[in-house]
Amino acid sequence: MSVDMSMKILIVDDYKTMLRIIRNLLKQLGFSNIEEASDGSEAFKKLKEEGGYDLVISDWNMEPMSGMDLLKQVRADEGMKDLPFVMVTAESKVENVVAAKKAGVSNYIIKPFNAQTLKQKLTTVIGVF
């Protein structure tokens, strides 16, 4: 099965520079339909109101709603519980990875990362592209 490069992707980070970096990496990989949110609460509102997203790439550490809280809300929502969700964080602590896995994260990326790392992580989540 080939990956739809026009799939709707929501990237979530409270740091504008990181949003730009992730957007640019996704564009390098060939994705074009990329939207942004600046924290978990804005992201959840977009997911509920706009819908149709195929993938969420979210930072962990954000205020007022963290990426972990967003992940838990997405997994608790019947309409979104199977939505591919990739967590991005500067934290490489084993307990954080375990907590994210328990909460249902699809994959986990530790900052800093490049296009190749992003592609490898996304391939395990959405398939080969």
N, C-alpha and C. Protein backbone atom coordinates (compact mmCIF):
# COMPACT_ATOMS: atom_id res chain seq x y z
N MET A 1 0.84 -1.18 0.00
CA MET A 1 0.00 0.00 0.00
C MET A 1 0.89 1.25 0.00
N SER A 2 0.63 2.14 -0.91
CA SER A 2 1.46 3.35 -0.97
C SER A 2 0.84 4.43 -0.09
N VAL A 3 1.70 5.29 0.41
CA VAL A 3 1.28 6.38 1.29
C VAL A 3 0.79 7.54 0.44
N ASP A 4 -0.34 8.11 0.83
CA ASP A 4 -0.89 9.28 0.16
C ASP A 4 -0.10 10.51 0.61
N MET A 5 0.71 11.06 -0.28
CA MET A 5 1.57 12.18 0.08
C MET A 5 0.77 13.47 0.30
N SER A 6 -0.53 13.44 -0.02
CA SER A 6 -1.37 14.60 0.26
C SER A 6 -2.22 14.38 1.52
N MET A 7 -1.85 13.36 2.30
CA MET A 7 -2.57 13.11 3.54
C MET A 7 -2.52 14.35 4.43
N LYS A 8 -3.57 14.55 5.24
CA LYS A 8 -3.68 15.74 6.09
C LYS A 8 -2.94 15.49 7.41
N ILE A 9 -1.89 16.30 7.63
CA ILE A 9 -1.03 16.15 8.80
C ILE A 9 -1.16 17.37 9.70
N LEU A 10 -1.32 17.13 11.01
CA LEU A 10 -1.35 18.21 11.98
C LEU A 10 -0.08 18.15 12.81
N ILE A 11 0.71 19.23 12.77
CA ILE A 11 1.90 19.31 13.61
C ILE A 11 1.61 20.27 14.76
N VAL A 12 2.04 19.88 15.96
CA VAL A 12 1.69 20.63 17.17
C VAL A 12 2.96 20.92 17.96
N ASP A 13 3.23 22.21 18.17
CA ASP A 13 4.39 22.61 18.97
C ASP A 13 4.18 24.06 19.39
N ASP A 14 4.57 24.39 20.61
CA ASP A 14 4.41 25.78 21.07
C ASP A 14 5.59 26.66 20.66
N TYR A 15 6.54 26.06 19.97
CA TYR A 15 7.74 26.77 19.54
C TYR A 15 7.67 26.93 18.02
N LYS A 16 7.46 28.16 17.56
CA LYS A 16 7.26 28.42 16.13
C LYS A 16 8.40 27.88 15.26
N THR A 17 9.63 28.00 15.75
CA THR A 17 10.78 27.52 14.98
C THR A 17 10.68 26.01 14.76
N MET A 18 10.25 25.28 15.78
CA MET A 18 10.11 23.82 15.64
C MET A 18 9.01 23.47 14.65
N LEU A 19 7.91 24.22 14.67
CA LEU A 19 6.85 24.00 13.68
C LEU A 19 7.41 24.15 12.27
N ARG A 20 8.20 25.20 12.07
CA ARG A 20 8.79 25.46 10.75
C ARG A 20 9.75 24.34 10.35
N ILE A 21 10.56 23.88 11.30
CA ILE A 21 11.51 22.80 11.01
C ILE A 21 10.77 21.53 10.61
N ILE A 22 9.76 21.14 11.39
CA ILE A 22 9.01 19.91 11.08
C ILE A 22 8.28 20.05 9.75
N ARG A 23 7.67 21.21 9.52
CA ARG A 23 6.98 21.45 8.23
C ARG A 23 7.97 21.28 7.08
N ASN A 24 9.16 21.88 7.20
CA ASN A 24 10.16 21.78 6.13
C ASN A 24 10.64 20.35 5.92
N LEU A 25 10.82 19.60 7.00
CA LEU A 25 11.22 18.19 6.87
C LEU A 25 10.14 17.39 6.17
N LEU A 26 8.88 17.62 6.54
CA LEU A 26 7.77 16.91 5.89
C LEU A 26 7.71 17.26 4.41
N LYS A 27 7.93 18.52 4.08
CA LYS A 27 7.93 18.93 2.67
C LYS A 27 9.08 18.27 1.91
N GLN A 28 10.26 18.17 2.56
CA GLN A 28 11.40 17.48 1.95
C GLN A 28 11.03 16.03 1.62
N LEU A 29 10.23 15.43 2.48
CA LEU A 29 9.82 14.04 2.28
C LEU A 29 8.69 13.91 1.26
N GLY A 30 8.11 15.04 0.85
CA GLY A 30 7.09 15.02 -0.20
C GLY A 30 5.67 15.27 0.27
N PHE A 31 5.47 15.52 1.56
CA PHE A 31 4.12 15.80 2.07
C PHE A 31 3.77 17.27 1.82
N SER A 32 2.48 17.53 1.54
CA SER A 32 2.11 18.89 1.17
C SER A 32 0.95 19.45 1.99
N ASN A 33 0.12 18.60 2.58
CA ASN A 33 -1.08 19.05 3.29
C ASN A 33 -0.80 19.09 4.79
N ILE A 34 -0.14 20.17 5.24
CA ILE A 34 0.35 20.26 6.61
C ILE A 34 -0.30 21.45 7.32
N GLU A 35 -0.91 21.19 8.46
CA GLU A 35 -1.49 22.26 9.27
C GLU A 35 -0.80 22.29 10.61
N GLU A 36 -0.96 23.41 11.32
CA GLU A 36 -0.25 23.62 12.58
C GLU A 36 -1.19 23.99 13.71
N ALA A 37 -0.76 23.66 14.93
CA ALA A 37 -1.42 24.12 16.15
C ALA A 37 -0.31 24.44 17.15
N SER A 38 -0.56 25.42 18.03
CA SER A 38 0.50 25.88 18.93
C SER A 38 0.46 25.24 20.32
N ASP A 39 -0.56 24.41 20.59
CA ASP A 39 -0.57 23.64 21.82
C ASP A 39 -1.64 22.55 21.70
N GLY A 40 -1.69 21.69 22.71
CA GLY A 40 -2.60 20.54 22.66
C GLY A 40 -4.07 20.92 22.59
N SER A 41 -4.46 21.97 23.31
CA SER A 41 -5.88 22.34 23.30
C SER A 41 -6.32 22.87 21.93
N GLU A 42 -5.45 23.68 21.30
CA GLU A 42 -5.76 24.16 19.94
C GLU A 42 -5.80 22.99 18.97
N ALA A 43 -4.87 22.05 19.14
CA ALA A 43 -4.82 20.87 18.26
C ALA A 43 -6.09 20.02 18.41
N PHE A 44 -6.52 19.78 19.65
CA PHE A 44 -7.70 18.95 19.86
C PHE A 44 -8.93 19.61 19.26
N LYS A 45 -9.02 20.93 19.41
CA LYS A 45 -10.14 21.68 18.83
C LYS A 45 -10.15 21.50 17.31
N LYS A 46 -8.98 21.63 16.67
CA LYS A 46 -8.89 21.44 15.21
C LYS A 46 -9.29 20.02 14.82
N LEU A 47 -8.78 19.05 15.57
CA LEU A 47 -9.08 17.65 15.27
C LEU A 47 -10.59 17.39 15.35
N LYS A 48 -11.25 17.96 16.36
CA LYS A 48 -12.69 17.76 16.55
C LYS A 48 -13.52 18.52 15.51
N GLU A 49 -13.15 19.81 15.28
CA GLU A 49 -13.97 20.67 14.42
C GLU A 49 -13.73 20.46 12.94
N GLU A 50 -12.46 20.32 12.56
CA GLU A 50 -12.13 20.18 11.15
C GLU A 50 -12.12 18.73 10.71
N GLY A 51 -11.55 17.87 11.56
CA GLY A 51 -11.49 16.45 11.24
C GLY A 51 -10.72 16.14 9.98
N GLY A 52 -10.74 14.88 9.60
CA GLY A 52 -10.10 14.46 8.37
C GLY A 52 -8.60 14.34 8.43
N TYR A 53 -8.02 14.45 9.63
CA TYR A 53 -6.56 14.34 9.74
C TYR A 53 -6.14 12.87 9.65
N ASP A 54 -4.99 12.66 9.04
CA ASP A 54 -4.45 11.32 8.85
C ASP A 54 -3.28 11.02 9.77
N LEU A 55 -2.71 12.07 10.37
CA LEU A 55 -1.51 11.92 11.20
C LEU A 55 -1.35 13.14 12.08
N VAL A 56 -0.94 12.90 13.35
CA VAL A 56 -0.60 13.99 14.27
C VAL A 56 0.87 13.81 14.66
N ILE A 57 1.64 14.90 14.57
CA ILE A 57 3.01 14.92 15.06
C ILE A 57 3.04 16.02 16.12
N SER A 58 3.21 15.62 17.38
CA SER A 58 3.08 16.57 18.48
C SER A 58 4.29 16.60 19.39
N ASP A 59 4.65 17.81 19.81
CA ASP A 59 5.65 17.98 20.85
C ASP A 59 5.05 17.49 22.17
N TRP A 60 5.91 17.07 23.09
CA TRP A 60 5.45 16.61 24.40
C TRP A 60 5.22 17.80 25.33
N ASN A 61 6.24 18.66 25.46
CA ASN A 61 6.23 19.74 26.45
C ASN A 61 5.61 21.01 25.90
N MET A 62 4.35 21.25 26.25
CA MET A 62 3.65 22.46 25.84
C MET A 62 2.71 22.89 26.96
N GLU A 63 2.39 24.17 26.98
CA GLU A 63 1.39 24.71 27.90
C GLU A 63 0.28 25.33 27.05
N PRO A 64 -0.96 25.37 27.45
CA PRO A 64 -1.50 24.79 28.68
C PRO A 64 -1.76 23.28 28.59
N MET A 65 -1.88 22.72 27.38
CA MET A 65 -2.11 21.28 27.25
C MET A 65 -0.91 20.63 26.59
N SER A 66 -0.32 19.66 27.27
CA SER A 66 0.87 18.97 26.75
C SER A 66 0.50 17.98 25.65
N GLY A 67 1.53 17.52 24.96
CA GLY A 67 1.34 16.49 23.94
C GLY A 67 0.82 15.20 24.54
N MET A 68 1.25 14.87 25.75
CA MET A 68 0.77 13.66 26.42
C MET A 68 -0.72 13.78 26.73
N ASP A 69 -1.16 14.95 27.20
CA ASP A 69 -2.60 15.15 27.46
C ASP A 69 -3.39 15.08 26.16
N LEU A 70 -2.84 15.65 25.09
CA LEU A 70 -3.49 15.59 23.78
C LEU A 70 -3.62 14.14 23.33
N LEU A 71 -2.54 13.37 23.46
CA LEU A 71 -2.56 11.95 23.08
C LEU A 71 -3.65 11.21 23.84
N LYS A 72 -3.75 11.44 25.14
CA LYS A 72 -4.76 10.76 25.96
C LYS A 72 -6.17 11.13 25.52
N GLN A 73 -6.38 12.41 25.18
CA GLN A 73 -7.71 12.84 24.71
C GLN A 73 -8.05 12.22 23.36
N VAL A 74 -7.06 12.17 22.47
CA VAL A 74 -7.28 11.57 21.15
C VAL A 74 -7.61 10.09 21.29
N ARG A 75 -6.87 9.37 22.12
CA ARG A 75 -7.10 7.94 22.30
C ARG A 75 -8.43 7.65 22.99
N ALA A 76 -8.92 8.60 23.80
CA ALA A 76 -10.20 8.42 24.51
C ALA A 76 -11.39 8.76 23.63
N ASP A 77 -11.15 9.40 22.49
CA ASP A 77 -12.23 9.81 21.59
C ASP A 77 -12.50 8.70 20.57
N GLU A 78 -13.72 8.22 20.55
CA GLU A 78 -14.08 7.09 19.69
C GLU A 78 -13.76 7.34 18.23
N GLY A 79 -13.96 8.56 17.76
CA GLY A 79 -13.74 8.87 16.36
C GLY A 79 -12.27 9.02 15.97
N MET A 80 -11.40 9.18 16.97
CA MET A 80 -9.98 9.43 16.68
C MET A 80 -9.04 8.41 17.31
N LYS A 81 -9.57 7.44 18.00
CA LYS A 81 -8.71 6.54 18.80
C LYS A 81 -7.65 5.81 17.98
N ASP A 82 -7.86 5.65 16.69
CA ASP A 82 -6.88 4.94 15.85
C ASP A 82 -6.01 5.89 15.01
N LEU A 83 -6.13 7.19 15.24
CA LEU A 83 -5.37 8.18 14.48
C LEU A 83 -3.87 8.02 14.77
N PRO A 84 -3.05 7.84 13.73
CA PRO A 84 -1.60 7.75 13.96
C PRO A 84 -1.08 9.00 14.67
N PHE A 85 -0.31 8.80 15.73
CA PHE A 85 0.14 9.90 16.59
C PHE A 85 1.62 9.69 16.91
N VAL A 86 2.45 10.65 16.49
CA VAL A 86 3.89 10.59 16.74
C VAL A 86 4.26 11.68 17.73
N MET A 87 4.92 11.30 18.81
CA MET A 87 5.35 12.25 19.84
C MET A 87 6.78 12.68 19.58
N VAL A 88 7.02 13.98 19.70
CA VAL A 88 8.36 14.54 19.53
C VAL A 88 8.77 15.18 20.85
N THR A 89 9.97 14.88 21.30
CA THR A 89 10.42 15.45 22.57
C THR A 89 11.94 15.51 22.66
N ALA A 90 12.41 16.38 23.51
CA ALA A 90 13.85 16.45 23.79
C ALA A 90 14.20 15.47 24.90
N GLU A 91 13.18 14.92 25.57
CA GLU A 91 13.39 13.99 26.68
C GLU A 91 13.61 12.57 26.15
N SER A 92 14.72 11.97 26.55
CA SER A 92 14.98 10.60 26.11
C SER A 92 14.88 9.61 27.28
N LYS A 93 14.28 10.06 28.38
CA LYS A 93 14.14 9.19 29.55
C LYS A 93 13.28 7.99 29.21
N VAL A 94 13.73 6.82 29.67
CA VAL A 94 13.02 5.57 29.40
C VAL A 94 11.59 5.64 29.93
N GLU A 95 11.39 6.22 31.11
CA GLU A 95 10.04 6.26 31.69
C GLU A 95 9.09 7.10 30.84
N ASN A 96 9.61 8.11 30.14
CA ASN A 96 8.76 8.91 29.25
C ASN A 96 8.32 8.09 28.04
N VAL A 97 9.25 7.35 27.48
CA VAL A 97 8.93 6.48 26.34
C VAL A 97 7.89 5.46 26.75
N VAL A 98 8.07 4.85 27.92
CA VAL A 98 7.13 3.85 28.43
C VAL A 98 5.76 4.47 28.65
N ALA A 99 5.72 5.67 29.25
CA ALA A 99 4.44 6.35 29.50
C ALA A 99 3.73 6.67 28.19
N ALA A 100 4.47 7.12 27.20
CA ALA A 100 3.88 7.43 25.90
C ALA A 100 3.34 6.17 25.23
N LYS A 101 4.09 5.07 25.32
CA LYS A 101 3.63 3.79 24.73
C LYS A 101 2.35 3.32 25.42
N LYS A 102 2.31 3.43 26.76
CA LYS A 102 1.12 3.03 27.51
C LYS A 102 -0.09 3.86 27.12
N ALA A 103 0.15 5.14 26.82
CA ALA A 103 -0.94 6.04 26.43
C ALA A 103 -1.38 5.82 25.00
N GLY A 104 -0.63 5.01 24.23
CA GLY A 104 -1.04 4.66 22.88
C GLY A 104 -0.36 5.41 21.77
N VAL A 105 0.83 5.95 22.03
CA VAL A 105 1.54 6.66 20.98
C VAL A 105 1.93 5.69 19.86
N SER A 106 1.90 6.15 18.62
CA SER A 106 2.26 5.29 17.49
C SER A 106 3.77 5.18 17.34
N ASN A 107 4.48 6.29 17.60
CA ASN A 107 5.94 6.29 17.57
C ASN A 107 6.43 7.51 18.31
N TYR A 108 7.74 7.59 18.49
CA TYR A 108 8.37 8.55 19.38
C TYR A 108 9.65 9.04 18.71
N ILE A 109 9.85 10.36 18.62
CA ILE A 109 11.06 10.91 18.01
C ILE A 109 11.74 11.83 19.02
N ILE A 110 13.03 11.65 19.20
CA ILE A 110 13.79 12.49 20.12
C ILE A 110 14.52 13.58 19.34
N LYS A 111 14.34 14.83 19.79
CA LYS A 111 15.02 15.98 19.17
C LYS A 111 16.49 15.96 19.54
N PRO A 112 17.34 16.47 18.69
CA PRO A 112 17.08 16.91 17.32
C PRO A 112 17.01 15.71 16.37
N PHE A 113 16.33 15.89 15.26
CA PHE A 113 16.23 14.82 14.27
C PHE A 113 16.26 15.43 12.88
N ASN A 114 16.52 14.55 11.89
CA ASN A 114 16.59 15.02 10.50
C ASN A 114 15.51 14.33 9.67
N ALA A 115 15.50 14.63 8.39
CA ALA A 115 14.48 14.08 7.49
C ALA A 115 14.54 12.55 7.44
N GLN A 116 15.74 12.00 7.47
CA GLN A 116 15.89 10.54 7.41
C GLN A 116 15.28 9.87 8.64
N THR A 117 15.54 10.43 9.83
CA THR A 117 14.97 9.89 11.06
C THR A 117 13.45 9.99 11.02
N LEU A 118 12.94 11.15 10.59
CA LEU A 118 11.50 11.35 10.49
C LEU A 118 10.89 10.33 9.54
N LYS A 119 11.54 10.11 8.40
CA LYS A 119 11.04 9.15 7.42
C LYS A 119 11.00 7.73 8.02
N GLN A 120 12.05 7.35 8.72
CA GLN A 120 12.08 6.01 9.34
C GLN A 120 10.94 5.85 10.34
N LYS A 121 10.74 6.85 11.19
CA LYS A 121 9.68 6.78 12.19
C LYS A 121 8.30 6.75 11.55
N LEU A 122 8.11 7.59 10.54
CA LEU A 122 6.79 7.63 9.87
C LEU A 122 6.52 6.35 9.10
N THR A 123 7.56 5.74 8.55
CA THR A 123 7.38 4.49 7.80
C THR A 123 6.79 3.40 8.70
N THR A 124 7.20 3.37 9.96
CA THR A 124 6.64 2.35 10.88
C THR A 124 5.19 2.66 11.24
N VAL A 125 4.79 3.92 11.07
CA VAL A 125 3.44 4.33 11.46
C VAL A 125 2.45 4.30 10.30
N ILE A 126 2.87 4.83 9.13
CA ILE A 126 1.93 4.97 8.01
C ILE A 126 2.30 4.12 6.80
N GLY A 127 3.46 3.49 6.82
CA GLY A 127 3.87 2.65 5.70
C GLY A 127 5.03 3.24 4.92
N VAL A 128 5.52 2.49 3.98
CA VAL A 128 6.70 2.89 3.19
C VAL A 128 6.30 3.95 2.17
N PHE A 129 7.13 4.97 2.06
CA PHE A 129 6.89 6.02 1.04
C PHE A 129 8.20 6.48 0.46
